[in-house]
Amino acid sequence: MLEKALNDAGIIAESCDKKAGFLDNARLMDDGLIGKENSAAKRRKLLYNLNLPALLNTKAMTEVINCLYTEEDYIKALSHINE
């Protein structure tokens, strides 16, 4: 009952469909965000560009980006860290 009231008030966001997400570990690796020497620094810069907390782990980062951002938003933020 409380959850419904909070949801109706717009305080709780609806869950997102994680299966439809564009971002996964393979994409992170291709984009140099995991598995490379400077991946942690690149992830921190990406999170900064997306106005997300810098201390999100990779799994949480992937879920949050898939839920809150479009692929175009992600590509734009990624392009800024690769300049």
N, C-alpha and C. Protein backbone atom coordinates (compact mmCIF):
# COMPACT_ATOMS: atom_id res chain seq x y z
N MET A 1 0.81 -1.19 0.00
CA MET A 1 0.00 0.00 0.00
C MET A 1 0.86 1.26 0.00
N LEU A 2 1.88 1.27 0.83
CA LEU A 2 2.79 2.42 0.89
C LEU A 2 3.52 2.57 -0.44
N GLU A 3 3.98 1.44 -1.01
CA GLU A 3 4.68 1.50 -2.29
C GLU A 3 3.79 2.09 -3.37
N LYS A 4 2.53 1.69 -3.41
CA LYS A 4 1.60 2.22 -4.40
C LYS A 4 1.42 3.72 -4.22
N ALA A 5 1.29 4.18 -2.98
CA ALA A 5 1.12 5.61 -2.71
C ALA A 5 2.35 6.39 -3.16
N LEU A 6 3.54 5.87 -2.87
CA LEU A 6 4.77 6.55 -3.28
C LEU A 6 4.89 6.55 -4.80
N ASN A 7 4.55 5.44 -5.42
CA ASN A 7 4.60 5.35 -6.88
C ASN A 7 3.61 6.32 -7.52
N ASP A 8 2.40 6.39 -6.98
CA ASP A 8 1.38 7.31 -7.49
C ASP A 8 1.82 8.76 -7.34
N ALA A 9 2.59 9.04 -6.31
CA ALA A 9 3.09 10.40 -6.08
C ALA A 9 4.31 10.71 -6.94
N GLY A 10 4.81 9.72 -7.67
CA GLY A 10 5.97 9.95 -8.52
C GLY A 10 7.29 9.88 -7.79
N ILE A 11 7.28 9.40 -6.57
CA ILE A 11 8.50 9.33 -5.77
C ILE A 11 9.31 8.09 -6.12
N ILE A 12 8.64 7.01 -6.45
CA ILE A 12 9.32 5.78 -6.83
C ILE A 12 9.19 5.61 -8.34
N ALA A 13 10.33 5.45 -8.99
CA ALA A 13 10.31 5.24 -10.44
C ALA A 13 9.86 3.83 -10.75
N GLU A 14 9.20 3.67 -11.86
CA GLU A 14 8.82 2.34 -12.29
C GLU A 14 10.08 1.58 -12.68
N SER A 15 10.04 0.28 -12.52
CA SER A 15 11.18 -0.53 -12.89
C SER A 15 11.34 -0.50 -14.40
N CYS A 16 12.55 -0.68 -14.86
CA CYS A 16 12.79 -0.66 -16.29
C CYS A 16 12.99 -2.08 -16.79
N ASP A 17 12.87 -2.25 -18.06
CA ASP A 17 13.05 -3.55 -18.68
C ASP A 17 14.53 -3.74 -19.01
N LYS A 18 15.26 -4.42 -18.13
CA LYS A 18 16.70 -4.59 -18.31
C LYS A 18 17.04 -5.47 -19.51
N LYS A 19 16.10 -6.31 -19.93
CA LYS A 19 16.35 -7.18 -21.07
C LYS A 19 16.50 -6.38 -22.35
N ALA A 20 15.91 -5.20 -22.41
CA ALA A 20 15.95 -4.38 -23.62
C ALA A 20 17.16 -3.45 -23.63
N GLY A 21 18.03 -3.55 -22.64
CA GLY A 21 19.16 -2.64 -22.54
C GLY A 21 20.17 -2.82 -23.66
N PHE A 22 20.73 -1.72 -24.07
CA PHE A 22 21.73 -1.71 -25.14
C PHE A 22 23.13 -1.96 -24.60
N LEU A 23 23.32 -1.75 -23.30
CA LEU A 23 24.65 -1.82 -22.72
C LEU A 23 24.83 -3.14 -21.98
N ASP A 24 25.90 -3.86 -22.31
CA ASP A 24 26.24 -5.12 -21.64
C ASP A 24 27.76 -5.20 -21.54
N ASN A 25 28.25 -6.27 -20.93
CA ASN A 25 29.70 -6.40 -20.72
C ASN A 25 30.48 -6.42 -22.03
N ALA A 26 29.93 -7.03 -23.06
CA ALA A 26 30.63 -7.05 -24.34
C ALA A 26 30.78 -5.64 -24.89
N ARG A 27 29.73 -4.85 -24.77
CA ARG A 27 29.80 -3.46 -25.24
C ARG A 27 30.77 -2.65 -24.40
N LEU A 28 30.76 -2.88 -23.08
CA LEU A 28 31.69 -2.18 -22.21
C LEU A 28 33.13 -2.50 -22.59
N MET A 29 33.40 -3.75 -22.91
CA MET A 29 34.75 -4.15 -23.30
C MET A 29 35.13 -3.50 -24.63
N ASP A 30 34.22 -3.55 -25.60
CA ASP A 30 34.48 -2.92 -26.90
C ASP A 30 34.76 -1.42 -26.75
N ASP A 31 34.08 -0.78 -25.81
CA ASP A 31 34.23 0.65 -25.60
C ASP A 31 35.38 1.00 -24.65
N GLY A 32 36.11 -0.02 -24.18
CA GLY A 32 37.26 0.22 -23.32
C GLY A 32 36.93 0.54 -21.88
N LEU A 33 35.72 0.21 -21.46
CA LEU A 33 35.32 0.53 -20.09
C LEU A 33 35.56 -0.61 -19.11
N ILE A 34 35.88 -1.80 -19.61
CA ILE A 34 36.33 -2.91 -18.77
C ILE A 34 37.42 -3.65 -19.51
N GLY A 35 38.30 -4.25 -18.75
CA GLY A 35 39.33 -5.11 -19.33
C GLY A 35 40.55 -4.41 -19.88
N LYS A 36 40.66 -3.12 -19.71
CA LYS A 36 41.81 -2.37 -20.21
C LYS A 36 42.54 -1.70 -19.04
N GLU A 37 43.73 -1.24 -19.32
CA GLU A 37 44.56 -0.64 -18.29
C GLU A 37 43.91 0.60 -17.66
N ASN A 38 43.26 1.42 -18.47
CA ASN A 38 42.69 2.67 -17.97
C ASN A 38 41.16 2.62 -17.88
N SER A 39 40.58 1.43 -17.81
CA SER A 39 39.13 1.29 -17.81
C SER A 39 38.46 1.96 -16.62
N ALA A 40 39.03 1.85 -15.45
CA ALA A 40 38.42 2.44 -14.25
C ALA A 40 38.33 3.96 -14.39
N ALA A 41 39.38 4.57 -14.90
CA ALA A 41 39.37 6.02 -15.09
C ALA A 41 38.33 6.42 -16.14
N LYS A 42 38.22 5.64 -17.20
CA LYS A 42 37.23 5.93 -18.23
C LYS A 42 35.80 5.78 -17.69
N ARG A 43 35.58 4.78 -16.85
CA ARG A 43 34.25 4.61 -16.25
C ARG A 43 33.90 5.80 -15.36
N ARG A 44 34.87 6.26 -14.57
CA ARG A 44 34.63 7.42 -13.70
C ARG A 44 34.29 8.65 -14.54
N LYS A 45 35.00 8.86 -15.65
CA LYS A 45 34.71 10.00 -16.52
C LYS A 45 33.34 9.87 -17.15
N LEU A 46 32.97 8.67 -17.56
CA LEU A 46 31.65 8.44 -18.15
C LEU A 46 30.57 8.75 -17.12
N LEU A 47 30.74 8.23 -15.92
CA LEU A 47 29.76 8.48 -14.86
C LEU A 47 29.64 9.98 -14.57
N TYR A 48 30.76 10.67 -14.56
CA TYR A 48 30.75 12.12 -14.35
C TYR A 48 29.97 12.81 -15.46
N ASN A 49 30.23 12.43 -16.70
CA ASN A 49 29.53 13.04 -17.84
C ASN A 49 28.03 12.77 -17.83
N LEU A 50 27.63 11.66 -17.22
CA LEU A 50 26.20 11.32 -17.13
C LEU A 50 25.58 11.78 -15.80
N ASN A 51 26.36 12.51 -15.00
CA ASN A 51 25.89 13.00 -13.70
C ASN A 51 25.45 11.86 -12.78
N LEU A 52 26.24 10.80 -12.77
CA LEU A 52 25.98 9.65 -11.91
C LEU A 52 27.08 9.54 -10.86
N PRO A 53 26.81 8.88 -9.74
CA PRO A 53 27.83 8.72 -8.70
C PRO A 53 29.06 7.98 -9.22
N ALA A 54 30.22 8.49 -8.90
CA ALA A 54 31.47 7.93 -9.40
C ALA A 54 31.79 6.56 -8.82
N LEU A 55 31.18 6.18 -7.74
CA LEU A 55 31.53 4.92 -7.08
C LEU A 55 30.59 3.76 -7.44
N LEU A 56 29.80 3.89 -8.48
CA LEU A 56 28.97 2.77 -8.91
C LEU A 56 29.86 1.65 -9.43
N ASN A 57 29.56 0.42 -9.05
CA ASN A 57 30.32 -0.68 -9.63
C ASN A 57 29.84 -0.90 -11.07
N THR A 58 30.54 -1.73 -11.80
CA THR A 58 30.24 -1.90 -13.22
C THR A 58 28.83 -2.44 -13.45
N LYS A 59 28.41 -3.40 -12.64
CA LYS A 59 27.08 -3.96 -12.80
C LYS A 59 26.01 -2.91 -12.56
N ALA A 60 26.15 -2.16 -11.48
CA ALA A 60 25.18 -1.11 -11.16
C ALA A 60 25.19 -0.03 -12.23
N MET A 61 26.37 0.35 -12.69
CA MET A 61 26.50 1.36 -13.73
C MET A 61 25.74 0.92 -14.99
N THR A 62 25.92 -0.33 -15.38
CA THR A 62 25.25 -0.85 -16.57
C THR A 62 23.74 -0.80 -16.41
N GLU A 63 23.25 -1.23 -15.26
CA GLU A 63 21.80 -1.22 -15.01
C GLU A 63 21.24 0.20 -15.02
N VAL A 64 21.94 1.12 -14.37
CA VAL A 64 21.46 2.50 -14.29
C VAL A 64 21.46 3.15 -15.67
N ILE A 65 22.53 2.96 -16.43
CA ILE A 65 22.58 3.56 -17.77
C ILE A 65 21.48 2.98 -18.64
N ASN A 66 21.28 1.67 -18.59
CA ASN A 66 20.22 1.06 -19.38
C ASN A 66 18.84 1.58 -18.99
N CYS A 67 18.64 1.90 -17.73
CA CYS A 67 17.33 2.36 -17.26
C CYS A 67 17.10 3.85 -17.51
N LEU A 68 18.14 4.66 -17.40
CA LEU A 68 17.95 6.11 -17.42
C LEU A 68 18.32 6.80 -18.72
N TYR A 69 19.13 6.17 -19.54
CA TYR A 69 19.66 6.86 -20.71
C TYR A 69 19.38 6.08 -21.99
N THR A 70 19.36 6.82 -23.08
CA THR A 70 19.24 6.19 -24.39
C THR A 70 20.64 5.82 -24.87
N GLU A 71 20.69 5.00 -25.89
CA GLU A 71 21.98 4.65 -26.49
C GLU A 71 22.67 5.90 -27.03
N GLU A 72 21.91 6.82 -27.57
CA GLU A 72 22.49 8.06 -28.09
C GLU A 72 23.13 8.89 -26.97
N ASP A 73 22.47 8.95 -25.80
CA ASP A 73 23.04 9.65 -24.65
C ASP A 73 24.38 9.02 -24.25
N TYR A 74 24.39 7.70 -24.22
CA TYR A 74 25.60 6.96 -23.85
C TYR A 74 26.72 7.25 -24.84
N ILE A 75 26.42 7.19 -26.13
CA ILE A 75 27.44 7.43 -27.16
C ILE A 75 28.00 8.85 -27.05
N LYS A 76 27.13 9.80 -26.80
CA LYS A 76 27.58 11.20 -26.65
C LYS A 76 28.50 11.35 -25.45
N ALA A 77 28.10 10.77 -24.31
CA ALA A 77 28.95 10.87 -23.10
C ALA A 77 30.26 10.14 -23.32
N LEU A 78 30.22 9.00 -24.00
CA LEU A 78 31.44 8.24 -24.27
C LEU A 78 32.37 9.02 -25.19
N SER A 79 31.82 9.73 -26.15
CA SER A 79 32.66 10.49 -27.08
C SER A 79 33.43 11.59 -26.36
N HIS A 80 32.84 12.14 -25.30
CA HIS A 80 33.53 13.18 -24.54
C HIS A 80 34.73 12.65 -23.77
N ILE A 81 34.69 11.40 -23.35
CA ILE A 81 35.83 10.87 -22.61
C ILE A 81 36.93 10.39 -23.54
N ASN A 82 36.62 10.20 -24.79
CA ASN A 82 37.61 9.74 -25.76
C ASN A 82 38.28 10.87 -26.53
N GLU A 83 37.93 12.12 -26.18
CA GLU A 83 38.53 13.27 -26.87
C GLU A 83 39.94 13.52 -26.42
